């Protein structure tokens, strides 16, 4: 089944003008996916630069897609920034139904592998986030992510997108 089968078809005809005033002013329309990725990369780099200057951690909630994190890596490298003060709370990862554990990073759908290939490995080694600051949900204790966000007082940035099955940030079986 396709996600569109569950959605009201009118949602796909919605324009910014149809949004409530409170959302309309917060909405930016970009020309295409490349423009969206450049905008996100700029926002991430701006926030990282500001937090680093303040000696604070930047906490970002990240989906695996549809963001192309190669743009983020490119912008961070271009600006000469370090991700030492970056904490990523990655929204999801697939679970092996036989074991209940996270799938192996060699699996073609591994979000851990995706984030490494599209973002982290594109940064110089000494500019990457610390391994303990790259977090994925734990299938045995999924509440830990929420508890961490609460303990931190929230996240600084959060992006989302539709997954390959139409989901928005959750672990498919």
N, C-alpha and C. Protein backbone atom coordinates (compact mmCIF):
# COMPACT_ATOMS: atom_id res chain seq x y z
N UNK A 1 0.83 -1.18 0.00
CA UNK A 1 0.00 0.00 0.00
C UNK A 1 0.87 1.24 0.00
N UNK A 2 0.39 2.26 -0.57
CA UNK A 2 1.08 3.53 -0.64
C UNK A 2 0.47 4.49 0.37
N UNK A 3 1.31 5.32 0.97
CA UNK A 3 0.87 6.27 2.00
C UNK A 3 -0.30 7.11 1.50
N UNK A 4 -0.27 7.50 0.24
CA UNK A 4 -1.32 8.37 -0.30
C UNK A 4 -2.70 7.73 -0.17
N UNK A 5 -2.77 6.39 -0.09
CA UNK A 5 -4.06 5.73 0.07
C UNK A 5 -4.72 6.06 1.39
N UNK A 6 -3.92 6.42 2.39
CA UNK A 6 -4.44 6.71 3.71
C UNK A 6 -4.69 8.20 3.93
N UNK A 7 -4.12 9.03 3.10
CA UNK A 7 -4.22 10.47 3.29
C UNK A 7 -5.39 11.04 2.52
N UNK A 8 -5.91 12.12 3.03
CA UNK A 8 -6.95 12.86 2.34
C UNK A 8 -6.32 13.48 1.09
N UNK A 9 -6.82 13.17 -0.11
CA UNK A 9 -6.20 13.69 -1.34
C UNK A 9 -6.10 15.21 -1.36
N UNK A 10 -6.94 15.90 -0.60
CA UNK A 10 -6.89 17.36 -0.59
C UNK A 10 -5.57 17.88 -0.02
N UNK A 11 -4.91 17.09 0.81
CA UNK A 11 -3.65 17.52 1.41
C UNK A 11 -2.61 17.82 0.33
N UNK A 12 -2.66 17.09 -0.78
CA UNK A 12 -1.68 17.28 -1.84
C UNK A 12 -1.96 18.53 -2.67
N UNK A 13 -3.13 19.10 -2.52
CA UNK A 13 -3.47 20.34 -3.22
C UNK A 13 -3.32 21.56 -2.33
N UNK A 14 -2.92 21.34 -1.08
CA UNK A 14 -2.78 22.44 -0.13
C UNK A 14 -1.60 23.32 -0.52
N UNK A 15 -1.82 24.62 -0.46
CA UNK A 15 -0.75 25.58 -0.72
C UNK A 15 -0.46 26.34 0.57
N UNK A 16 0.60 27.11 0.56
CA UNK A 16 0.96 27.91 1.73
C UNK A 16 -0.19 28.85 2.09
N UNK A 17 -0.88 29.38 1.10
CA UNK A 17 -2.00 30.29 1.36
C UNK A 17 -3.14 29.60 2.12
N UNK A 18 -3.23 28.27 2.04
CA UNK A 18 -4.28 27.53 2.72
C UNK A 18 -3.96 27.26 4.19
N UNK A 19 -2.74 27.50 4.60
CA UNK A 19 -2.32 27.22 5.97
C UNK A 19 -2.87 28.27 6.94
N UNK A 20 -3.04 27.90 8.19
CA UNK A 20 -3.43 28.89 9.20
C UNK A 20 -2.35 29.97 9.32
N UNK A 21 -2.74 31.15 9.73
CA UNK A 21 -1.80 32.26 9.85
C UNK A 21 -0.57 31.90 10.66
N UNK A 22 -0.76 31.15 11.74
CA UNK A 22 0.37 30.80 12.62
C UNK A 22 1.41 29.95 11.90
N UNK A 23 1.02 29.18 10.91
CA UNK A 23 1.97 28.36 10.15
C UNK A 23 2.45 29.06 8.88
N UNK A 24 1.59 29.85 8.28
CA UNK A 24 1.93 30.49 7.00
C UNK A 24 3.20 31.33 7.13
N UNK A 25 3.33 32.06 8.21
CA UNK A 25 4.50 32.91 8.39
C UNK A 25 5.78 32.15 8.70
N UNK A 26 5.65 30.88 9.06
CA UNK A 26 6.81 30.05 9.39
C UNK A 26 7.18 29.10 8.26
N UNK A 27 6.49 29.23 7.13
CA UNK A 27 6.67 28.30 6.02
C UNK A 27 7.49 28.94 4.91
N UNK A 28 8.47 28.20 4.44
CA UNK A 28 9.30 28.64 3.33
C UNK A 28 9.13 27.64 2.20
N UNK A 29 8.90 28.13 1.03
CA UNK A 29 8.80 27.28 -0.16
C UNK A 29 10.10 27.42 -0.94
N UNK A 30 10.67 26.28 -1.30
CA UNK A 30 11.90 26.29 -2.09
C UNK A 30 11.62 25.68 -3.46
N UNK A 31 12.52 25.96 -4.38
CA UNK A 31 12.31 25.55 -5.77
C UNK A 31 12.36 24.05 -5.97
N UNK A 32 13.30 23.40 -5.31
CA UNK A 32 13.48 21.96 -5.53
C UNK A 32 14.22 21.34 -4.35
N UNK A 33 14.49 20.06 -4.46
CA UNK A 33 15.14 19.33 -3.37
C UNK A 33 16.55 19.86 -3.10
N UNK A 34 17.28 20.23 -4.15
CA UNK A 34 18.62 20.77 -3.96
C UNK A 34 18.56 22.07 -3.15
N UNK A 35 17.60 22.92 -3.46
CA UNK A 35 17.44 24.17 -2.70
C UNK A 35 17.08 23.88 -1.25
N UNK A 36 16.23 22.88 -1.03
CA UNK A 36 15.87 22.49 0.34
C UNK A 36 17.11 22.02 1.09
N UNK A 37 17.92 21.17 0.47
CA UNK A 37 19.12 20.66 1.12
C UNK A 37 20.13 21.77 1.39
N UNK A 38 20.27 22.73 0.50
CA UNK A 38 21.17 23.86 0.74
C UNK A 38 20.67 24.69 1.91
N UNK A 39 19.36 24.89 2.00
CA UNK A 39 18.77 25.67 3.10
C UNK A 39 19.02 24.95 4.43
N UNK A 40 18.75 23.67 4.48
CA UNK A 40 18.96 22.89 5.70
C UNK A 40 20.44 22.91 6.09
N UNK A 41 21.32 22.75 5.12
CA UNK A 41 22.76 22.75 5.40
C UNK A 41 23.19 24.10 5.99
N UNK A 42 22.65 25.18 5.44
CA UNK A 42 22.98 26.50 5.96
C UNK A 42 22.46 26.70 7.37
N UNK A 43 21.22 26.24 7.63
CA UNK A 43 20.65 26.35 8.97
C UNK A 43 21.47 25.54 9.98
N UNK A 44 21.86 24.34 9.61
CA UNK A 44 22.66 23.51 10.50
C UNK A 44 24.00 24.17 10.80
N UNK A 45 24.67 24.64 9.76
CA UNK A 45 25.98 25.27 9.94
C UNK A 45 25.86 26.54 10.79
N UNK A 46 24.84 27.35 10.55
CA UNK A 46 24.64 28.56 11.36
C UNK A 46 24.45 28.21 12.83
N UNK A 47 23.59 27.23 13.09
CA UNK A 47 23.29 26.83 14.47
C UNK A 47 24.53 26.21 15.13
N UNK A 48 25.26 25.39 14.40
CA UNK A 48 26.47 24.77 14.94
C UNK A 48 27.51 25.83 15.27
N UNK A 49 27.68 26.78 14.39
CA UNK A 49 28.64 27.86 14.61
C UNK A 49 28.26 28.66 15.87
N UNK A 50 26.98 28.99 16.02
CA UNK A 50 26.53 29.77 17.17
C UNK A 50 26.70 28.99 18.48
N UNK A 51 26.32 27.72 18.48
CA UNK A 51 26.45 26.90 19.69
C UNK A 51 27.92 26.69 20.06
N UNK A 52 28.75 26.45 19.05
CA UNK A 52 30.18 26.25 19.31
C UNK A 52 30.77 27.52 19.91
N UNK A 53 30.42 28.67 19.37
CA UNK A 53 30.93 29.95 19.89
C UNK A 53 30.50 30.15 21.35
N UNK A 54 29.32 29.64 21.69
CA UNK A 54 28.81 29.77 23.06
C UNK A 54 29.32 28.64 23.97
N UNK A 55 30.07 27.69 23.42
CA UNK A 55 30.57 26.57 24.20
C UNK A 55 29.48 25.59 24.58
N UNK A 56 28.46 25.47 23.75
CA UNK A 56 27.32 24.61 24.03
C UNK A 56 27.19 23.52 22.97
N UNK A 57 26.43 22.48 23.31
CA UNK A 57 26.13 21.41 22.36
C UNK A 57 24.92 21.80 21.53
N UNK A 58 24.95 21.47 20.26
CA UNK A 58 23.80 21.61 19.36
C UNK A 58 23.15 20.25 19.26
N UNK A 59 21.88 20.17 19.62
CA UNK A 59 21.14 18.91 19.55
C UNK A 59 20.17 18.97 18.38
N UNK A 60 20.33 18.01 17.47
CA UNK A 60 19.52 17.98 16.25
C UNK A 60 18.85 16.61 16.14
N UNK A 61 17.55 16.63 15.91
CA UNK A 61 16.79 15.40 15.67
C UNK A 61 16.76 15.21 14.15
N UNK A 62 17.32 14.07 13.71
CA UNK A 62 17.53 13.85 12.28
C UNK A 62 16.75 12.65 11.74
N UNK A 63 16.03 12.83 10.65
CA UNK A 63 15.51 11.67 9.92
C UNK A 63 16.61 11.15 9.00
N UNK A 64 16.48 9.95 8.52
CA UNK A 64 17.45 9.45 7.55
C UNK A 64 17.23 10.15 6.21
N UNK A 65 16.06 10.43 5.86
CA UNK A 65 15.78 11.10 4.61
C UNK A 65 14.51 11.90 4.77
N UNK A 66 14.18 12.71 3.88
CA UNK A 66 14.73 12.88 2.54
C UNK A 66 15.90 13.84 2.46
N UNK A 67 16.43 14.24 3.59
CA UNK A 67 17.56 15.17 3.61
C UNK A 67 18.80 14.47 3.06
N UNK A 68 19.52 15.20 2.23
CA UNK A 68 20.81 14.70 1.75
C UNK A 68 21.88 15.38 2.59
N UNK A 69 22.38 14.66 3.57
CA UNK A 69 23.34 15.21 4.52
C UNK A 69 24.70 15.52 3.89
N UNK A 70 24.91 15.09 2.65
CA UNK A 70 26.16 15.46 1.96
C UNK A 70 26.24 16.98 1.84
N UNK A 71 25.10 17.64 1.66
CA UNK A 71 25.07 19.10 1.61
C UNK A 71 25.52 19.69 2.95
N UNK A 72 25.09 19.07 4.04
CA UNK A 72 25.47 19.54 5.38
C UNK A 72 26.97 19.39 5.58
N UNK A 73 27.50 18.22 5.22
CA UNK A 73 28.93 17.99 5.36
C UNK A 73 29.72 19.00 4.53
N UNK A 74 29.27 19.21 3.31
CA UNK A 74 29.96 20.15 2.42
C UNK A 74 29.97 21.57 3.01
N UNK A 75 28.85 22.01 3.56
CA UNK A 75 28.76 23.35 4.13
C UNK A 75 29.61 23.47 5.39
N UNK A 76 29.61 22.45 6.21
CA UNK A 76 30.41 22.46 7.44
C UNK A 76 31.90 22.51 7.09
N UNK A 77 32.31 21.72 6.12
CA UNK A 77 33.72 21.72 5.68
C UNK A 77 34.06 23.08 5.06
N UNK A 78 33.17 23.59 4.22
CA UNK A 78 33.42 24.89 3.56
C UNK A 78 33.65 25.99 4.58
N UNK A 79 32.88 25.96 5.67
CA UNK A 79 33.01 26.99 6.71
C UNK A 79 34.11 26.69 7.72
N UNK A 80 34.72 25.52 7.61
CA UNK A 80 35.79 25.16 8.54
C UNK A 80 35.29 24.88 9.95
N UNK A 81 34.05 24.39 10.07
CA UNK A 81 33.47 24.12 11.38
C UNK A 81 33.81 22.71 11.86
N UNK A 82 33.68 22.52 13.15
CA UNK A 82 33.85 21.20 13.76
C UNK A 82 32.50 20.75 14.29
N UNK A 83 32.24 19.45 14.21
CA UNK A 83 31.01 18.87 14.76
C UNK A 83 31.23 18.30 16.15
N UNK A 84 32.31 18.70 16.79
CA UNK A 84 32.59 18.23 18.14
C UNK A 84 31.44 18.59 19.09
N UNK A 85 30.76 19.70 18.83
CA UNK A 85 29.65 20.14 19.68
C UNK A 85 28.29 19.78 19.08
N UNK A 86 28.27 18.76 18.22
CA UNK A 86 27.01 18.33 17.60
C UNK A 86 26.57 17.01 18.21
N UNK A 87 25.29 16.97 18.60
CA UNK A 87 24.66 15.74 19.08
C UNK A 87 23.51 15.46 18.11
N UNK A 88 23.53 14.28 17.48
CA UNK A 88 22.41 13.91 16.61
C UNK A 88 21.57 12.84 17.29
N UNK A 89 20.29 13.09 17.34
CA UNK A 89 19.31 12.11 17.80
C UNK A 89 18.62 11.63 16.53
N UNK A 90 19.08 10.51 16.03
CA UNK A 90 18.57 10.00 14.77
C UNK A 90 17.23 9.32 15.01
N UNK A 91 16.25 9.68 14.19
CA UNK A 91 14.86 9.30 14.46
C UNK A 91 14.60 7.81 14.46
N UNK A 92 15.24 7.10 13.58
CA UNK A 92 14.84 5.71 13.47
C UNK A 92 15.96 4.82 12.97
N UNK A 93 15.72 3.55 13.06
CA UNK A 93 16.58 2.51 12.51
C UNK A 93 15.72 1.25 12.43
N UNK A 94 15.97 0.46 11.43
CA UNK A 94 15.22 -0.78 11.29
C UNK A 94 15.69 -1.82 12.30
N UNK A 95 14.76 -2.69 12.69
CA UNK A 95 15.02 -3.73 13.66
C UNK A 95 14.89 -5.08 12.96
N UNK A 96 15.80 -5.98 13.27
CA UNK A 96 15.73 -7.34 12.75
C UNK A 96 14.60 -8.05 13.48
N UNK A 97 13.56 -8.49 12.76
CA UNK A 97 12.43 -9.12 13.45
C UNK A 97 12.79 -10.42 14.16
N UNK A 98 13.84 -11.08 13.72
CA UNK A 98 14.22 -12.35 14.36
C UNK A 98 14.90 -12.14 15.70
N UNK A 99 15.65 -11.03 15.83
CA UNK A 99 16.43 -10.82 17.05
C UNK A 99 15.92 -9.68 17.92
N UNK A 100 15.16 -8.77 17.31
CA UNK A 100 14.72 -7.57 18.04
C UNK A 100 15.82 -6.54 18.19
N UNK A 101 16.97 -6.80 17.57
CA UNK A 101 18.11 -5.88 17.62
C UNK A 101 18.13 -5.02 16.36
N UNK A 102 18.89 -3.94 16.42
CA UNK A 102 19.05 -3.10 15.23
C UNK A 102 19.65 -3.93 14.11
N UNK A 103 19.21 -3.67 12.88
CA UNK A 103 19.78 -4.38 11.74
C UNK A 103 21.27 -4.04 11.64
N UNK A 104 22.00 -4.91 10.99
CA UNK A 104 23.42 -4.70 10.79
C UNK A 104 23.63 -3.49 9.88
N UNK A 105 24.71 -2.77 10.10
CA UNK A 105 24.99 -1.59 9.27
C UNK A 105 25.28 -1.96 7.82
N UNK A 106 25.55 -3.23 7.54
CA UNK A 106 25.76 -3.66 6.15
C UNK A 106 24.44 -3.78 5.39
N UNK A 107 23.32 -3.81 6.11
CA UNK A 107 22.00 -3.92 5.48
C UNK A 107 21.75 -2.67 4.62
N UNK A 108 21.19 -2.85 3.42
CA UNK A 108 20.99 -1.69 2.53
C UNK A 108 20.06 -0.61 3.10
N UNK A 109 19.22 -0.96 4.07
CA UNK A 109 18.31 0.04 4.66
C UNK A 109 18.81 0.60 5.99
N UNK A 110 20.03 0.30 6.37
CA UNK A 110 20.55 0.79 7.66
C UNK A 110 20.67 2.31 7.66
N UNK A 111 19.96 2.94 8.59
CA UNK A 111 20.04 4.38 8.74
C UNK A 111 21.39 4.78 9.34
N UNK A 112 21.95 3.92 10.17
CA UNK A 112 23.28 4.21 10.73
C UNK A 112 24.30 4.30 9.60
N UNK A 113 24.23 3.35 8.69
CA UNK A 113 25.13 3.38 7.53
C UNK A 113 24.86 4.61 6.67
N UNK A 114 23.58 4.90 6.44
CA UNK A 114 23.19 6.05 5.63
C UNK A 114 23.80 7.33 6.21
N UNK A 115 23.63 7.54 7.52
CA UNK A 115 24.15 8.76 8.15
C UNK A 115 25.67 8.81 8.06
N UNK A 116 26.32 7.67 8.21
CA UNK A 116 27.77 7.65 8.10
C UNK A 116 28.20 7.97 6.67
N UNK A 117 27.59 7.32 5.69
CA UNK A 117 27.99 7.52 4.30
C UNK A 117 27.66 8.91 3.78
N UNK A 118 26.48 9.42 4.14
CA UNK A 118 26.04 10.69 3.57
C UNK A 118 26.48 11.91 4.38
N UNK A 119 26.90 11.70 5.65
CA UNK A 119 27.25 12.84 6.47
C UNK A 119 28.60 12.67 7.17
N UNK A 120 28.64 11.82 8.17
CA UNK A 120 29.79 11.79 9.07
C UNK A 120 31.11 11.47 8.38
N UNK A 121 31.13 10.48 7.47
CA UNK A 121 32.39 10.10 6.82
C UNK A 121 32.87 11.16 5.82
N UNK A 122 32.03 12.12 5.50
CA UNK A 122 32.41 13.19 4.58
C UNK A 122 33.09 14.35 5.30
N UNK A 123 33.13 14.25 6.62
CA UNK A 123 33.81 15.26 7.43
C UNK A 123 35.23 14.78 7.74
N UNK A 124 36.19 15.69 7.87
CA UNK A 124 37.51 15.25 8.33
C UNK A 124 37.37 14.53 9.67
N UNK A 125 38.16 13.50 9.89
CA UNK A 125 38.02 12.69 11.11
C UNK A 125 38.02 13.53 12.38
N UNK A 126 38.88 14.53 12.43
CA UNK A 126 38.98 15.34 13.64
C UNK A 126 37.86 16.38 13.76
N UNK A 127 36.95 16.42 12.80
CA UNK A 127 35.83 17.37 12.81
C UNK A 127 34.48 16.67 12.97
N UNK A 128 34.50 15.35 13.12
CA UNK A 128 33.26 14.58 13.24
C UNK A 128 32.69 14.67 14.65
N UNK A 129 31.38 14.40 14.78
CA UNK A 129 30.82 14.33 16.14
C UNK A 129 31.46 13.17 16.90
N UNK A 130 31.53 13.32 18.19
CA UNK A 130 32.02 12.21 19.03
C UNK A 130 31.04 11.05 18.89
N UNK A 131 31.54 9.81 18.86
CA UNK A 131 30.65 8.65 18.70
C UNK A 131 29.52 8.62 19.74
N UNK A 132 29.78 9.02 20.96
CA UNK A 132 28.75 9.00 22.00
C UNK A 132 27.66 10.06 21.77
N UNK A 133 27.89 10.96 20.81
CA UNK A 133 26.91 11.99 20.51
C UNK A 133 26.12 11.71 19.23
N UNK A 134 26.31 10.52 18.66
CA UNK A 134 25.53 10.07 17.50
C UNK A 134 24.62 8.96 18.02
N UNK A 135 23.38 9.32 18.27
CA UNK A 135 22.46 8.42 18.97
C UNK A 135 21.33 7.95 18.07
N UNK A 136 21.04 6.67 18.19
CA UNK A 136 19.91 6.05 17.49
C UNK A 136 19.01 5.43 18.54
N UNK A 137 17.72 5.25 18.24
CA UNK A 137 16.83 4.63 19.22
C UNK A 137 17.30 3.23 19.60
N UNK A 138 17.09 2.89 20.83
CA UNK A 138 17.40 1.55 21.33
C UNK A 138 16.09 0.77 21.33
N UNK A 139 15.98 -0.29 20.51
CA UNK A 139 14.71 -1.01 20.44
C UNK A 139 14.31 -1.66 21.77
N UNK A 140 15.27 -1.87 22.64
CA UNK A 140 14.96 -2.47 23.94
C UNK A 140 14.53 -1.43 24.97
N UNK A 141 14.80 -0.16 24.68
CA UNK A 141 14.42 0.92 25.59
C UNK A 141 14.15 2.20 24.79
N UNK A 142 13.13 2.18 23.94
CA UNK A 142 12.88 3.34 23.08
C UNK A 142 12.58 4.62 23.87
N UNK A 143 12.12 4.47 25.10
CA UNK A 143 11.80 5.64 25.92
C UNK A 143 13.04 6.46 26.28
N UNK A 144 14.22 5.89 26.15
CA UNK A 144 15.44 6.62 26.50
C UNK A 144 15.63 7.86 25.64
N UNK A 145 15.21 7.80 24.39
CA UNK A 145 15.34 8.97 23.51
C UNK A 145 14.49 10.11 24.04
N UNK A 146 13.24 9.82 24.37
CA UNK A 146 12.34 10.85 24.91
C UNK A 146 12.87 11.38 26.23
N UNK A 147 13.36 10.49 27.07
CA UNK A 147 13.92 10.91 28.35
C UNK A 147 15.12 11.84 28.16
N UNK A 148 15.96 11.53 27.18
CA UNK A 148 17.12 12.38 26.91
C UNK A 148 16.68 13.76 26.43
N UNK A 149 15.75 13.77 25.50
CA UNK A 149 15.25 15.07 24.99
C UNK A 149 14.66 15.89 26.14
N UNK A 150 13.89 15.25 26.99
CA UNK A 150 13.33 15.95 28.15
C UNK A 150 14.44 16.47 29.06
N UNK A 151 15.45 15.64 29.32
CA UNK A 151 16.55 16.04 30.21
C UNK A 151 17.34 17.21 29.63
N UNK A 152 17.43 17.27 28.31
CA UNK A 152 18.16 18.35 27.66
C UNK A 152 17.32 19.63 27.54
N UNK A 153 16.04 19.51 27.83
CA UNK A 153 15.16 20.67 27.68
C UNK A 153 14.72 20.87 26.24
N UNK A 154 14.79 19.82 25.45
CA UNK A 154 14.37 19.88 24.05
C UNK A 154 15.55 19.80 23.11
N UNK A 155 15.26 19.90 21.84
CA UNK A 155 16.27 19.89 20.79
C UNK A 155 16.33 21.27 20.16
N UNK A 156 17.46 21.57 19.55
CA UNK A 156 17.63 22.86 18.90
C UNK A 156 17.02 22.88 17.50
N UNK A 157 17.16 21.78 16.79
CA UNK A 157 16.61 21.65 15.44
C UNK A 157 15.97 20.28 15.29
N UNK A 158 14.93 20.21 14.49
CA UNK A 158 14.29 18.93 14.19
C UNK A 158 13.75 18.99 12.77
N UNK A 159 14.15 18.02 11.97
CA UNK A 159 13.64 17.90 10.62
C UNK A 159 12.85 16.61 10.53
N UNK A 160 12.00 16.50 9.53
CA UNK A 160 11.29 15.26 9.31
C UNK A 160 11.04 15.08 7.82
N UNK A 161 10.56 13.93 7.47
CA UNK A 161 10.22 13.62 6.09
C UNK A 161 9.51 12.29 6.07
N UNK A 162 9.00 11.93 4.93
CA UNK A 162 8.29 10.66 4.79
C UNK A 162 9.29 9.56 4.49
N UNK A 163 9.16 8.43 5.21
CA UNK A 163 10.00 7.26 4.95
C UNK A 163 9.50 6.49 3.74
N UNK A 164 10.23 5.46 3.38
CA UNK A 164 9.92 4.71 2.16
C UNK A 164 8.57 4.00 2.22
N UNK A 165 8.04 3.79 3.41
CA UNK A 165 6.73 3.16 3.53
C UNK A 165 5.65 4.19 3.88
N UNK A 166 6.01 5.47 3.83
CA UNK A 166 5.06 6.52 4.16
C UNK A 166 5.07 6.91 5.61
N UNK A 167 5.91 6.29 6.41
CA UNK A 167 5.95 6.61 7.85
C UNK A 167 6.68 7.92 8.09
N UNK A 168 6.42 8.50 9.22
CA UNK A 168 7.17 9.67 9.68
C UNK A 168 7.86 9.27 10.97
N UNK A 169 9.13 8.93 10.85
CA UNK A 169 10.00 8.66 12.00
C UNK A 169 9.48 7.65 12.99
N UNK A 170 9.43 6.43 12.60
CA UNK A 170 9.20 5.35 13.56
C UNK A 170 9.83 4.09 12.98
N UNK A 171 10.02 3.12 13.80
CA UNK A 171 10.62 1.87 13.37
C UNK A 171 9.57 0.97 12.75
N UNK A 172 9.72 0.70 11.47
CA UNK A 172 8.86 -0.27 10.80
C UNK A 172 9.22 -1.66 11.33
N UNK A 173 8.27 -2.58 11.30
CA UNK A 173 8.64 -3.95 11.69
C UNK A 173 9.62 -4.54 10.68
